[in-house]
Amino acid sequence: MKTIEDKGKVYQIGAVYEFSDDGEEWCIDRLENINQYVTYPYETCPGDAYNFIRACEFSLGTITEAPIKLKHGKCYQGL
């Protein structure tokens, strides 16, 4: 995964972060680029730019295969 350094911290391009214009209201998106020479340096995938970035303080959900439900009293054979 490509990384980029900004103000002594390393960020992962394409990773999910929280972004804000004012540091109070935050939205979640993927980091596309950091342009250190503009007022809103943190660019997201849809082309929006923000002034602040922080790591997400939660874990994202996962999708896994559901276990096969077995019926009591039936005969099964593994593959």
PDB file of N, CA and C in Angstrom:
ATOM      1  N   MET A   1       0.849  -1.172   0.000  1.00  0.00           N
ATOM      2  CA  MET A   1       0.000   0.000   0.000  1.00  0.00           C
ATOM      3  C   MET A   1       0.901   1.244   0.000  1.00  0.00           C
ATOM      4  N   LYS A   2       0.572   2.209  -0.827  1.00  0.00           N
ATOM      5  CA  LYS A   2       1.350   3.434  -0.916  1.00  0.00           C
ATOM      6  C   LYS A   2       1.132   4.285   0.336  1.00  0.00           C
ATOM      7  N   THR A   3       2.199   4.891   0.818  1.00  0.00           N
ATOM      8  CA  THR A   3       2.115   5.762   1.985  1.00  0.00           C
ATOM      9  C   THR A   3       2.617   7.154   1.623  1.00  0.00           C
ATOM     10  N   ILE A   4       2.227   8.128   2.445  1.00  0.00           N
ATOM     11  CA  ILE A   4       2.667   9.507   2.251  1.00  0.00           C
ATOM     12  C   ILE A   4       2.886  10.125   3.631  1.00  0.00           C
ATOM     13  N   GLU A   5       3.936  10.915   3.764  1.00  0.00           N
ATOM     14  CA  GLU A   5       4.261  11.537   5.043  1.00  0.00           C
ATOM     15  C   GLU A   5       3.795  12.987   5.059  1.00  0.00           C
ATOM     16  N   ASP A   6       3.247  13.399   6.212  1.00  0.00           N
ATOM     17  CA  ASP A   6       2.796  14.781   6.395  1.00  0.00           C
ATOM     18  C   ASP A   6       2.963  15.169   7.856  1.00  0.00           C
ATOM     19  N   LYS A   7       3.715  16.205   8.113  1.00  0.00           N
ATOM     20  CA  LYS A   7       3.914  16.746   9.464  1.00  0.00           C
ATOM     21  C   LYS A   7       4.377  15.676  10.451  1.00  0.00           C
ATOM     22  N   GLY A   8       5.308  14.831  10.023  1.00  0.00           N
ATOM     23  CA  GLY A   8       5.882  13.821  10.893  1.00  0.00           C
ATOM     24  C   GLY A   8       5.050  12.568  11.078  1.00  0.00           C
ATOM     25  N   LYS A   9       3.971  12.429  10.327  1.00  0.00           N
ATOM     26  CA  LYS A   9       3.135  11.235  10.420  1.00  0.00           C
ATOM     27  C   LYS A   9       3.014  10.606   9.042  1.00  0.00           C
ATOM     28  N   VAL A  10       2.834   9.290   9.018  1.00  0.00           N
ATOM     29  CA  VAL A  10       2.717   8.559   7.762  1.00  0.00           C
ATOM     30  C   VAL A  10       1.280   8.085   7.604  1.00  0.00           C
ATOM     31  N   TYR A  11       0.698   8.349   6.438  1.00  0.00           N
ATOM     32  CA  TYR A  11      -0.684   7.969   6.130  1.00  0.00           C
ATOM     33  C   TYR A  11      -0.682   6.980   4.970  1.00  0.00           C
ATOM     34  N   GLN A  12      -1.691   6.121   4.919  1.00  0.00           N
ATOM     35  CA  GLN A  12      -1.825   5.139   3.852  1.00  0.00           C
ATOM     36  C   GLN A  12      -2.822   5.648   2.814  1.00  0.00           C
ATOM     37  N   ILE A  13      -2.370   5.769   1.582  1.00  0.00           N
ATOM     38  CA  ILE A  13      -3.253   6.173   0.496  1.00  0.00           C
ATOM     39  C   ILE A  13      -4.241   5.037   0.249  1.00  0.00           C
ATOM     40  N   GLY A  14      -5.524   5.358   0.172  1.00  0.00           N
ATOM     41  CA  GLY A  14      -6.570   4.362  -0.032  1.00  0.00           C
ATOM     42  C   GLY A  14      -7.166   3.834   1.256  1.00  0.00           C
ATOM     43  N   ALA A  15      -6.566   4.157   2.405  1.00  0.00           N
ATOM     44  CA  ALA A  15      -7.109   3.708   3.687  1.00  0.00           C
ATOM     45  C   ALA A  15      -8.237   4.637   4.125  1.00  0.00           C
ATOM     46  N   VAL A  16      -9.080   4.152   5.023  1.00  0.00           N
ATOM     47  CA  VAL A  16     -10.218   4.911   5.524  1.00  0.00           C
ATOM     48  C   VAL A  16      -9.801   5.725   6.742  1.00  0.00           C
ATOM     49  N   TYR A  17     -10.135   7.016   6.721  1.00  0.00           N
ATOM     50  CA  TYR A  17      -9.863   7.940   7.817  1.00  0.00           C
ATOM     51  C   TYR A  17     -11.107   8.791   8.066  1.00  0.00           C
ATOM     52  N   GLU A  18     -11.063   9.578   9.127  1.00  0.00           N
ATOM     53  CA  GLU A  18     -12.092  10.577   9.385  1.00  0.00           C
ATOM     54  C   GLU A  18     -11.535  11.934   8.961  1.00  0.00           C
ATOM     55  N   PHE A  19     -12.368  12.758   8.311  1.00  0.00           N
ATOM     56  CA  PHE A  19     -11.955  14.051   7.788  1.00  0.00           C
ATOM     57  C   PHE A  19     -12.879  15.145   8.302  1.00  0.00           C
ATOM     58  N   SER A  20     -12.332  16.374   8.433  1.00  0.00           N
ATOM     59  CA  SER A  20     -13.130  17.495   8.896  1.00  0.00           C
ATOM     60  C   SER A  20     -12.588  18.801   8.331  1.00  0.00           C
ATOM     61  N   ASP A  21     -13.497  19.757   8.129  1.00  0.00           N
ATOM     62  CA  ASP A  21     -13.094  21.114   7.742  1.00  0.00           C
ATOM     63  C   ASP A  21     -12.750  21.946   8.970  1.00  0.00           C
ATOM     64  N   ASP A  22     -13.510  21.753  10.058  1.00  0.00           N
ATOM     65  CA  ASP A  22     -13.386  22.605  11.234  1.00  0.00           C
ATOM     66  C   ASP A  22     -12.909  21.882  12.491  1.00  0.00           C
ATOM     67  N   GLY A  23     -12.756  20.571  12.453  1.00  0.00           N
ATOM     68  CA  GLY A  23     -12.324  19.802  13.619  1.00  0.00           C
ATOM     69  C   GLY A  23     -13.453  19.430  14.550  1.00  0.00           C
ATOM     70  N   GLU A  24     -14.702  19.758  14.176  1.00  0.00           N
ATOM     71  CA  GLU A  24     -15.850  19.430  15.017  1.00  0.00           C
ATOM     72  C   GLU A  24     -16.749  18.376  14.388  1.00  0.00           C
ATOM     73  N   GLU A  25     -17.113  18.557  13.123  1.00  0.00           N
ATOM     74  CA  GLU A  25     -17.932  17.574  12.421  1.00  0.00           C
ATOM     75  C   GLU A  25     -17.026  16.735  11.532  1.00  0.00           C
ATOM     76  N   TRP A  26     -17.139  15.403  11.652  1.00  0.00           N
ATOM     77  CA  TRP A  26     -16.246  14.496  10.947  1.00  0.00           C
ATOM     78  C   TRP A  26     -17.031  13.605   9.999  1.00  0.00           C
ATOM     79  N   CYS A  27     -16.414  13.277   8.864  1.00  0.00           N
ATOM     80  CA  CYS A  27     -16.997  12.326   7.927  1.00  0.00           C
ATOM     81  C   CYS A  27     -15.947  11.252   7.629  1.00  0.00           C
ATOM     82  N   ILE A  28     -16.395  10.142   7.117  1.00  0.00           N
ATOM     83  CA  ILE A  28     -15.516   9.004   6.850  1.00  0.00           C
ATOM     84  C   ILE A  28     -15.342   8.846   5.348  1.00  0.00           C
ATOM     85  N   ASP A  29     -14.093   8.667   4.915  1.00  0.00           N
ATOM     86  CA  ASP A  29     -13.816   8.484   3.494  1.00  0.00           C
ATOM     87  C   ASP A  29     -12.432   7.875   3.332  1.00  0.00           C
ATOM     88  N   ARG A  30     -12.053   7.621   2.106  1.00  0.00           N
ATOM     89  CA  ARG A  30     -10.724   7.084   1.803  1.00  0.00           C
ATOM     90  C   ARG A  30      -9.788   8.223   1.408  1.00  0.00           C
ATOM     91  N   LEU A  31      -8.562   8.167   1.904  1.00  0.00           N
ATOM     92  CA  LEU A  31      -7.556   9.170   1.573  1.00  0.00           C
ATOM     93  C   LEU A  31      -7.014   8.923   0.177  1.00  0.00           C
ATOM     94  N   GLU A  32      -7.082   9.925  -0.667  1.00  0.00           N
ATOM     95  CA  GLU A  32      -6.591   9.821  -2.042  1.00  0.00           C
ATOM     96  C   GLU A  32      -5.203  10.447  -2.181  1.00  0.00           C
ATOM     97  N   ASN A  33      -4.985  11.597  -1.515  1.00  0.00           N
ATOM     98  CA  ASN A  33      -3.724  12.316  -1.671  1.00  0.00           C
ATOM     99  C   ASN A  33      -3.594  13.360  -0.565  1.00  0.00           C
ATOM    100  N   ILE A  34      -2.361  13.772  -0.303  1.00  0.00           N
ATOM    101  CA  ILE A  34      -2.105  14.887   0.601  1.00  0.00           C
ATOM    102  C   ILE A  34      -1.313  15.928  -0.167  1.00  0.00           C
ATOM    103  N   ASN A  35      -1.872  17.114  -0.277  1.00  0.00           N
ATOM    104  CA  ASN A  35      -1.211  18.234  -0.943  1.00  0.00           C
ATOM    105  C   ASN A  35      -0.811  19.227   0.141  1.00  0.00           C
ATOM    106  N   GLN A  36       0.445  19.232   0.524  1.00  0.00           N
ATOM    107  CA  GLN A  36       0.922  19.995   1.670  1.00  0.00           C
ATOM    108  C   GLN A  36       0.916  21.508   1.461  1.00  0.00           C
ATOM    109  N   TYR A  37       0.680  21.976   0.257  1.00  0.00           N
ATOM    110  CA  TYR A  37       0.824  23.398  -0.039  1.00  0.00           C
ATOM    111  C   TYR A  37      -0.502  24.130  -0.221  1.00  0.00           C
ATOM    112  N   VAL A  38      -1.613  23.554   0.262  1.00  0.00           N
ATOM    113  CA  VAL A  38      -2.913  24.204   0.146  1.00  0.00           C
ATOM    114  C   VAL A  38      -3.588  24.234   1.514  1.00  0.00           C
ATOM    115  N   THR A  39      -4.644  25.029   1.633  1.00  0.00           N
ATOM    116  CA  THR A  39      -5.358  25.163   2.906  1.00  0.00           C
ATOM    117  C   THR A  39      -6.032  23.863   3.325  1.00  0.00           C
ATOM    118  N   TYR A  40      -6.623  23.146   2.372  1.00  0.00           N
ATOM    119  CA  TYR A  40      -7.294  21.883   2.658  1.00  0.00           C
ATOM    120  C   TYR A  40      -6.494  20.760   1.997  1.00  0.00           C
ATOM    121  N   PRO A  41      -5.476  20.240   2.704  1.00  0.00           N
ATOM    122  CA  PRO A  41      -4.508  19.332   2.069  1.00  0.00           C
ATOM    123  C   PRO A  41      -4.952  17.880   1.901  1.00  0.00           C
ATOM    124  N   TYR A  42      -5.973  17.446   2.644  1.00  0.00           N
ATOM    125  CA  TYR A  42      -6.327  16.024   2.639  1.00  0.00           C
ATOM    126  C   TYR A  42      -7.439  15.766   1.628  1.00  0.00           C
ATOM    127  N   GLU A  43      -7.084  15.113   0.526  1.00  0.00           N
ATOM    128  CA  GLU A  43      -8.022  14.863  -0.557  1.00  0.00           C
ATOM    129  C   GLU A  43      -8.582  13.442  -0.457  1.00  0.00           C
ATOM    130  N   THR A  44      -9.899  13.322  -0.693  1.00  0.00           N
ATOM    131  CA  THR A  44     -10.561  12.027  -0.636  1.00  0.00           C
ATOM    132  C   THR A  44     -10.911  11.555  -2.043  1.00  0.00           C
ATOM    133  N   CYS A  45     -11.360  10.317  -2.145  1.00  0.00           N
ATOM    134  CA  CYS A  45     -11.646   9.713  -3.455  1.00  0.00           C
ATOM    135  C   CYS A  45     -12.643  10.491  -4.305  1.00  0.00           C
ATOM    136  N   PRO A  46     -13.750  11.019  -3.751  1.00  0.00           N
ATOM    137  CA  PRO A  46     -14.654  11.745  -4.644  1.00  0.00           C
ATOM    138  C   PRO A  46     -14.142  13.129  -5.028  1.00  0.00           C
ATOM    139  N   GLY A  47     -12.961  13.512  -4.579  1.00  0.00           N
ATOM    140  CA  GLY A  47     -12.396  14.803  -4.948  1.00  0.00           C
ATOM    141  C   GLY A  47     -12.629  15.895  -3.924  1.00  0.00           C
ATOM    142  N   ASP A  48     -13.167  15.566  -2.754  1.00  0.00           N
ATOM    143  CA  ASP A  48     -13.336  16.556  -1.696  1.00  0.00           C
ATOM    144  C   ASP A  48     -12.001  16.776  -1.000  1.00  0.00           C
ATOM    145  N   ALA A  49     -11.853  17.933  -0.360  1.00  0.00           N
ATOM    146  CA  ALA A  49     -10.621  18.243   0.369  1.00  0.00           C
ATOM    147  C   ALA A  49     -10.974  18.755   1.762  1.00  0.00           C
ATOM    148  N   TYR A  50     -10.153  18.381   2.740  1.00  0.00           N
ATOM    149  CA  TYR A  50     -10.430  18.726   4.139  1.00  0.00           C
ATOM    150  C   TYR A  50      -9.176  19.282   4.805  1.00  0.00           C
ATOM    151  N   ASN A  51      -9.391  19.978   5.914  1.00  0.00           N
ATOM    152  CA  ASN A  51      -8.314  20.603   6.663  1.00  0.00           C
ATOM    153  C   ASN A  51      -7.727  19.669   7.723  1.00  0.00           C
ATOM    154  N   PHE A  52      -8.532  18.735   8.245  1.00  0.00           N
ATOM    155  CA  PHE A  52      -8.095  17.851   9.325  1.00  0.00           C
ATOM    156  C   PHE A  52      -8.304  16.388   8.941  1.00  0.00           C
ATOM    157  N   ILE A  53      -7.449  15.535   9.507  1.00  0.00           N
ATOM    158  CA  ILE A  53      -7.554  14.091   9.312  1.00  0.00           C
ATOM    159  C   ILE A  53      -7.230  13.413  10.630  1.00  0.00           C
ATOM    160  N   ARG A  54      -7.898  12.301  10.902  1.00  0.00           N
ATOM    161  CA  ARG A  54      -7.562  11.493  12.081  1.00  0.00           C
ATOM    162  C   ARG A  54      -7.907  10.040  11.789  1.00  0.00           C
ATOM    163  N   ALA A  55      -7.295   9.159  12.555  1.00  0.00           N
ATOM    164  CA  ALA A  55      -7.573   7.732  12.413  1.00  0.00           C
ATOM    165  C   ALA A  55      -8.991   7.459  12.888  1.00  0.00           C
ATOM    166  N   CYS A  56      -9.648   6.513  12.273  1.00  0.00           N
ATOM    167  CA  CYS A  56     -10.992   6.126  12.699  1.00  0.00           C
ATOM    168  C   CYS A  56     -10.901   5.508  14.084  1.00  0.00           C
ATOM    169  N   GLU A  57     -11.788   5.922  14.968  1.00  0.00           N
ATOM    170  CA  GLU A  57     -11.774   5.428  16.341  1.00  0.00           C
ATOM    171  C   GLU A  57     -12.705   4.235  16.520  1.00  0.00           C
ATOM    172  N   PHE A  58     -12.930   3.492  15.471  1.00  0.00           N
ATOM    173  CA  PHE A  58     -13.791   2.324  15.525  1.00  0.00           C
ATOM    174  C   PHE A  58     -13.272   1.321  14.504  1.00  0.00           C
ATOM    175  N   SER A  59     -13.746   0.100  14.604  1.00  0.00           N
ATOM    176  CA  SER A  59     -13.362  -0.891  13.609  1.00  0.00           C
ATOM    177  C   SER A  59     -14.490  -1.046  12.612  1.00  0.00           C
ATOM    178  N   LEU A  60     -14.135  -1.258  11.378  1.00  0.00           N
ATOM    179  CA  LEU A  60     -15.130  -1.458  10.343  1.00  0.00           C
ATOM    180  C   LEU A  60     -15.651  -2.882  10.413  1.00  0.00           C
ATOM    181  N   GLY A  61     -16.890  -3.078  10.033  1.00  0.00           N
ATOM    182  CA  GLY A  61     -17.497  -4.403  10.064  1.00  0.00           C
ATOM    183  C   GLY A  61     -16.871  -5.348   9.054  1.00  0.00           C
ATOM    184  N   THR A  62     -17.059  -6.614   9.290  1.00  0.00           N
ATOM    185  CA  THR A  62     -16.527  -7.633   8.383  1.00  0.00           C
ATOM    186  C   THR A  62     -17.678  -8.446   7.795  1.00  0.00           C
ATOM    187  N   ILE A  63     -17.414  -9.121   6.709  1.00  0.00           N
ATOM    188  CA  ILE A  63     -18.376 -10.043   6.110  1.00  0.00           C
ATOM    189  C   ILE A  63     -17.700 -11.403   6.059  1.00  0.00           C
ATOM    190  N   THR A  64     -18.328 -12.394   6.680  1.00  0.00           N
ATOM    191  CA  THR A  64     -17.777 -13.744   6.705  1.00  0.00           C
ATOM    192  C   THR A  64     -18.854 -14.727   6.265  1.00  0.00           C
ATOM    193  N   GLU A  65     -18.429 -15.908   5.892  1.00  0.00           N
ATOM    194  CA  GLU A  65     -19.361 -16.961   5.519  1.00  0.00           C
ATOM    195  C   GLU A  65     -20.090 -17.440   6.770  1.00  0.00           C
ATOM    196  N   ALA A  66     -21.385 -17.601   6.667  1.00  0.00           N
ATOM    197  CA  ALA A  66     -22.172 -18.117   7.785  1.00  0.00           C
ATOM    198  C   ALA A  66     -21.918 -19.612   7.924  1.00  0.00           C
ATOM    199  N   PRO A  67     -21.903 -20.121   9.140  1.00  0.00           N
ATOM    200  CA  PRO A  67     -21.719 -21.573   9.295  1.00  0.00           C
ATOM    201  C   PRO A  67     -22.938 -22.318   8.758  1.00  0.00           C
ATOM    202  N   ILE A  68     -22.700 -23.506   8.271  1.00  0.00           N
ATOM    203  CA  ILE A  68     -23.794 -24.337   7.761  1.00  0.00           C
ATOM    204  C   ILE A  68     -24.605 -24.829   8.953  1.00  0.00           C
ATOM    205  N   LYS A  69     -25.904 -24.632   8.888  1.00  0.00           N
ATOM    206  CA  LYS A  69     -26.773 -25.082   9.974  1.00  0.00           C
ATOM    207  C   LYS A  69     -27.099 -26.551   9.754  1.00  0.00           C
ATOM    208  N   LEU A  70     -26.756 -27.345  10.725  1.00  0.00           N
ATOM    209  CA  LEU A  70     -27.008 -28.776  10.645  1.00  0.00           C
ATOM    210  C   LEU A  70     -28.326 -29.102  11.323  1.00  0.00           C
ATOM    211  N   LYS A  71     -29.029 -30.078  10.779  1.00  0.00           N
ATOM    212  CA  LYS A  71     -30.297 -30.511  11.359  1.00  0.00           C
ATOM    213  C   LYS A  71     -30.035 -31.710  12.260  1.00  0.00           C
ATOM    214  N   HIS A  72     -30.554 -31.629  13.459  1.00  0.00           N
ATOM    215  CA  HIS A  72     -30.363 -32.695  14.433  1.00  0.00           C
ATOM    216  C   HIS A  72     -30.972 -34.009  13.904  1.00  0.00           C
ATOM    217  N   GLY A  73     -30.192 -35.067  14.012  1.00  0.00           N
ATOM    218  CA  GLY A  73     -30.676 -36.377  13.602  1.00  0.00           C
ATOM    219  C   GLY A  73     -30.362 -36.745  12.162  1.00  0.00           C
ATOM    220  N   LYS A  74     -29.771 -35.845  11.389  1.00  0.00           N
ATOM    221  CA  LYS A  74     -29.433 -36.112   9.995  1.00  0.00           C
ATOM    222  C   LYS A  74     -27.983 -36.616   9.913  1.00  0.00           C
ATOM    223  N   CYS A  75     -27.677 -37.346   8.851  1.00  0.00           N
ATOM    224  CA  CYS A  75     -26.337 -37.883   8.633  1.00  0.00           C
ATOM    225  C   CYS A  75     -25.576 -36.972   7.678  1.00  0.00           C
ATOM    226  N   TYR A  76     -24.332 -36.593   8.013  1.00  0.00           N
ATOM    227  CA  TYR A  76     -23.529 -35.699   7.179  1.00  0.00           C
ATOM    228  C   TYR A  76     -22.178 -36.327   6.895  1.00  0.00           C
ATOM    229  N   GLN A  77     -21.585 -35.995   5.745  1.00  0.00           N
ATOM    230  CA  GLN A  77     -20.267 -36.494   5.377  1.00  0.00           C
ATOM    231  C   GLN A  77     -19.428 -35.308   4.926  1.00  0.00           C
ATOM    232  N   GLY A  78     -18.214 -35.180   5.461  1.00  0.00           N
ATOM    233  CA  GLY A  78     -17.313 -34.089   5.071  1.00  0.00           C
ATOM    234  C   GLY A  78     -16.708 -34.330   3.703  1.00  0.00           C
ATOM    235  N   LEU A  79     -16.263 -33.261   3.053  1.00  0.00           N
ATOM    236  CA  LEU A  79     -15.638 -33.388   1.734  1.00  0.00           C
ATOM    237  C   LEU A  79     -14.142 -33.485   1.842  1.00  0.00           C
TER     238      LEU A  79
END
